[in-house]
Amino acid sequence: MKTCLLSLSLLLAASRALAQNPAADEAAIRQTVAHMTTNWQNHQFADMAAYTTPDVGWVNIVGMYWRGRVQVQQAHQHIFDAMFKGVAFTPGETSVRAVAPGVAVVTMYCHVGAFYPPDGVNRGTNKEGDTNDLLTLVLVQRRGQWLLTAGQNTVVRASAQPNNPAASDPAQVADQH
């Protein structure tokens, strides 16, 4: 019983210590996201294990759902070798929100250069882009490191924005938490 209570006390103390340094956690989360966006920019995903959980999931902009680090890494490498070959990716505004101890949600805008979907071949009329995307990323803290465990990418349709029923200024939107 004493061992159980001691373990529980240590666990609670550790969780409080993490909660007391949100700036350090946010910096570490942003570093993980920067590592991911560097891979998008250099089109190389061999080191994806450095910033993802083994069971990472990813939903891409056309609804493909990739499960597990191996599949997510292979799928990213394939599309970046084909339809995104030579395409520039520029990260934009990023926000980080802690949702529970050791869990954070990141939203990030990313500008994607023009590309030829789905296979990267120019067929004369199939070029898409430039696009602005909005990503939702879920990161978890494992053994002191922040890792991506889920991601989803949405193309922001500029033509839809005038009909957005929410205020365009986030400061004007009431906090729902």
Protein backbone atom coordinates (compact mmCIF):
# COMPACT_ATOMS: atom_id res chain seq x y z
CA MET A 1 0.00 0.00 0.00
CA LYS A 2 2.84 2.40 0.87
CA THR A 3 4.45 1.69 -2.51
CA CYS A 4 1.19 2.42 -4.28
CA LEU A 5 0.72 5.71 -2.42
CA LEU A 6 4.33 6.71 -3.06
CA SER A 7 3.96 5.94 -6.78
CA LEU A 8 0.74 7.94 -6.95
CA SER A 9 2.37 10.88 -5.16
CA LEU A 10 5.32 10.85 -7.56
CA LEU A 11 2.99 10.69 -10.56
CA LEU A 12 0.95 13.64 -9.31
CA ALA A 13 4.10 15.64 -8.58
CA ALA A 14 5.42 14.95 -12.08
CA SER A 15 2.15 16.01 -13.72
CA ARG A 16 2.12 19.21 -11.65
CA ALA A 17 5.70 19.94 -12.66
CA LEU A 18 4.75 19.68 -16.33
CA ALA A 19 1.74 21.90 -15.83
CA GLN A 20 3.95 24.50 -14.16
CA ASN A 21 6.08 24.98 -17.29
CA PRO A 22 3.65 25.46 -20.18
CA ALA A 23 6.12 27.69 -22.06
CA ALA A 24 8.67 24.87 -22.21
CA ASP A 25 6.00 22.43 -23.37
CA GLU A 26 4.81 24.84 -26.06
CA ALA A 27 8.39 25.34 -27.27
CA ALA A 28 8.91 21.57 -27.45
CA ILE A 29 5.61 21.12 -29.31
CA ARG A 30 6.55 23.83 -31.80
CA GLN A 31 9.91 22.11 -32.28
CA THR A 32 8.17 18.83 -33.13
CA VAL A 33 5.89 20.61 -35.62
CA ALA A 34 8.94 22.36 -37.13
CA HIS A 35 10.61 18.96 -37.62
CA MET A 36 7.51 17.72 -39.46
CA THR A 37 7.32 20.81 -41.68
CA THR A 38 11.04 20.51 -42.46
CA ASN A 39 10.26 17.06 -43.85
CA TRP A 40 7.53 18.57 -46.02
CA GLN A 41 9.95 21.19 -47.27
CA ASN A 42 12.78 18.77 -48.06
CA HIS A 43 10.39 15.99 -49.17
CA GLN A 44 12.16 13.38 -47.05
CA PHE A 45 10.31 11.37 -44.41
CA ALA A 46 12.83 8.70 -43.37
CA ASP A 47 13.15 10.23 -39.89
CA MET A 48 9.42 10.36 -39.16
CA ALA A 49 9.97 8.05 -36.17
CA ALA A 50 11.70 10.96 -34.41
CA TYR A 51 8.45 12.92 -34.09
CA THR A 52 5.53 10.45 -34.37
CA THR A 53 3.99 7.76 -32.20
CA PRO A 54 4.07 4.21 -33.58
CA ASP A 55 0.26 4.31 -33.94
CA VAL A 56 0.09 7.74 -35.62
CA GLY A 57 -2.89 8.35 -37.89
CA TRP A 58 -3.20 10.84 -40.75
CA VAL A 59 -6.19 11.99 -42.82
CA ASN A 60 -5.11 13.81 -45.97
CA ILE A 61 -6.97 16.51 -47.88
CA VAL A 62 -8.91 14.03 -50.03
CA GLY A 63 -9.96 11.75 -47.17
CA MET A 64 -7.30 9.07 -47.38
CA TYR A 65 -6.78 7.65 -43.90
CA TRP A 66 -3.32 6.28 -43.15
CA ARG A 67 -2.75 4.27 -39.97
CA GLY A 68 0.50 3.52 -38.20
CA ARG A 69 3.92 5.07 -38.58
CA VAL A 70 5.06 2.80 -41.42
CA GLN A 71 1.97 3.49 -43.55
CA VAL A 72 1.95 7.22 -42.76
CA GLN A 73 5.65 7.54 -43.59
CA GLN A 74 5.38 5.52 -46.83
CA ALA A 75 2.26 7.36 -47.99
CA HIS A 76 3.81 10.78 -47.32
CA GLN A 77 6.99 9.79 -49.14
CA HIS A 78 5.01 8.49 -52.11
CA ILE A 79 2.86 11.59 -52.58
CA PHE A 80 5.84 13.89 -52.08
CA ASP A 81 7.78 11.91 -54.71
CA ALA A 82 4.82 12.14 -57.13
CA MET A 83 2.23 14.90 -56.97
CA PHE A 84 4.21 17.16 -54.62
CA LYS A 85 7.58 16.67 -56.35
CA GLY A 86 9.35 20.04 -56.31
CA VAL A 87 6.35 21.76 -54.66
CA ALA A 88 7.05 24.35 -51.98
CA PHE A 89 5.45 24.08 -48.55
CA THR A 90 5.49 27.19 -46.37
CA PRO A 91 4.23 26.95 -42.79
CA GLY A 92 2.13 29.83 -41.54
CA GLU A 93 0.25 30.85 -38.42
CA THR A 94 0.37 28.14 -35.77
CA SER A 95 -1.49 27.89 -32.48
CA VAL A 96 -0.95 25.43 -29.65
CA ARG A 97 -3.58 24.52 -27.07
CA ALA A 98 -3.15 22.14 -24.16
CA VAL A 99 -6.28 19.99 -23.84
CA ALA A 100 -5.19 17.64 -21.03
CA PRO A 101 -1.96 16.83 -19.23
CA GLY A 102 0.40 15.53 -21.90
CA VAL A 103 -2.00 16.24 -24.79
CA ALA A 104 -2.02 19.26 -27.10
CA VAL A 105 -3.86 20.30 -30.25
CA VAL A 106 -2.01 22.34 -32.84
CA THR A 107 -3.67 24.19 -35.68
CA MET A 108 -1.38 25.38 -38.43
CA TYR A 109 -1.85 27.07 -41.74
CA CYS A 110 0.42 25.98 -44.57
CA HIS A 111 0.79 27.40 -48.07
CA VAL A 112 1.19 24.69 -50.71
CA GLY A 113 2.56 25.50 -54.15
CA ALA A 114 0.90 24.40 -57.38
CA PHE A 115 0.92 20.66 -58.10
CA TYR A 116 -0.40 18.00 -60.48
CA PRO A 117 -2.66 15.50 -58.73
CA PRO A 118 -2.94 12.61 -58.16
CA ASP A 119 0.25 11.24 -59.71
CA GLY A 120 2.27 14.39 -60.38
CA VAL A 121 1.95 14.11 -64.16
CA ASN A 122 1.14 17.23 -66.20
CA ARG A 123 -1.86 16.38 -68.39
CA GLY A 124 -2.35 19.96 -69.56
CA THR A 125 -5.42 20.82 -67.50
CA ASN A 126 -4.87 19.13 -64.15
CA LYS A 127 -2.67 21.61 -62.31
CA GLU A 128 -3.95 22.64 -58.87
CA GLY A 129 -2.72 25.18 -56.38
CA ASP A 130 -1.52 27.33 -54.93
CA THR A 131 -3.54 26.40 -51.85
CA ASN A 132 -3.68 27.35 -48.25
CA ASP A 133 -4.29 24.41 -45.95
CA LEU A 134 -5.32 24.22 -42.33
CA LEU A 135 -3.94 21.31 -40.35
CA THR A 136 -5.15 19.92 -37.06
CA LEU A 137 -2.45 18.00 -35.21
CA VAL A 138 -2.73 16.09 -31.95
CA LEU A 139 0.49 15.67 -29.99
CA VAL A 140 1.08 13.58 -26.90
CA GLN A 141 3.92 13.64 -24.45
CA ARG A 142 5.74 10.34 -24.19
CA ARG A 143 8.86 9.90 -22.06
CA GLY A 144 9.37 13.66 -21.98
CA GLN A 145 9.07 14.12 -25.76
CA TRP A 146 6.13 15.60 -27.68
CA LEU A 147 5.08 13.33 -30.56
CA LEU A 148 2.50 13.60 -33.32
CA THR A 149 -0.22 10.98 -32.86
CA ALA A 150 -2.90 12.26 -35.27
CA GLY A 151 -3.08 14.74 -38.12
CA GLN A 152 -5.69 16.00 -40.55
CA ASN A 153 -5.28 18.39 -43.46
CA THR A 154 -8.01 20.59 -44.97
CA VAL A 155 -7.79 22.85 -47.99
CA VAL A 156 -9.03 26.33 -47.10
CA ARG A 157 -11.44 27.42 -49.81
CA ALA A 158 -11.11 31.19 -50.11
CA SER A 159 -14.51 31.40 -51.84
CA ALA A 160 -16.21 29.95 -48.75
CA GLN A 161 -14.69 32.39 -46.26
CA PRO A 162 -17.18 35.25 -46.83
CA ASN A 163 -19.94 32.84 -45.71
CA ASN A 164 -18.17 31.75 -42.52
CA PRO A 165 -20.76 32.14 -39.74
CA ALA A 166 -18.05 32.57 -37.10
CA ALA A 167 -16.27 35.86 -36.57
CA SER A 168 -13.11 36.19 -38.65
CA ASP A 169 -11.27 37.69 -35.69
CA PRO A 170 -10.59 34.89 -33.15
CA ALA A 171 -10.59 37.47 -30.36
CA GLN A 172 -14.27 38.17 -31.13
CA VAL A 173 -15.29 34.51 -30.80
CA ALA A 174 -16.46 33.63 -27.28
CA ASP A 175 -14.24 31.15 -25.47
CA GLN A 176 -16.04 27.81 -25.42
CA HIS A 177 -13.75 26.18 -22.84
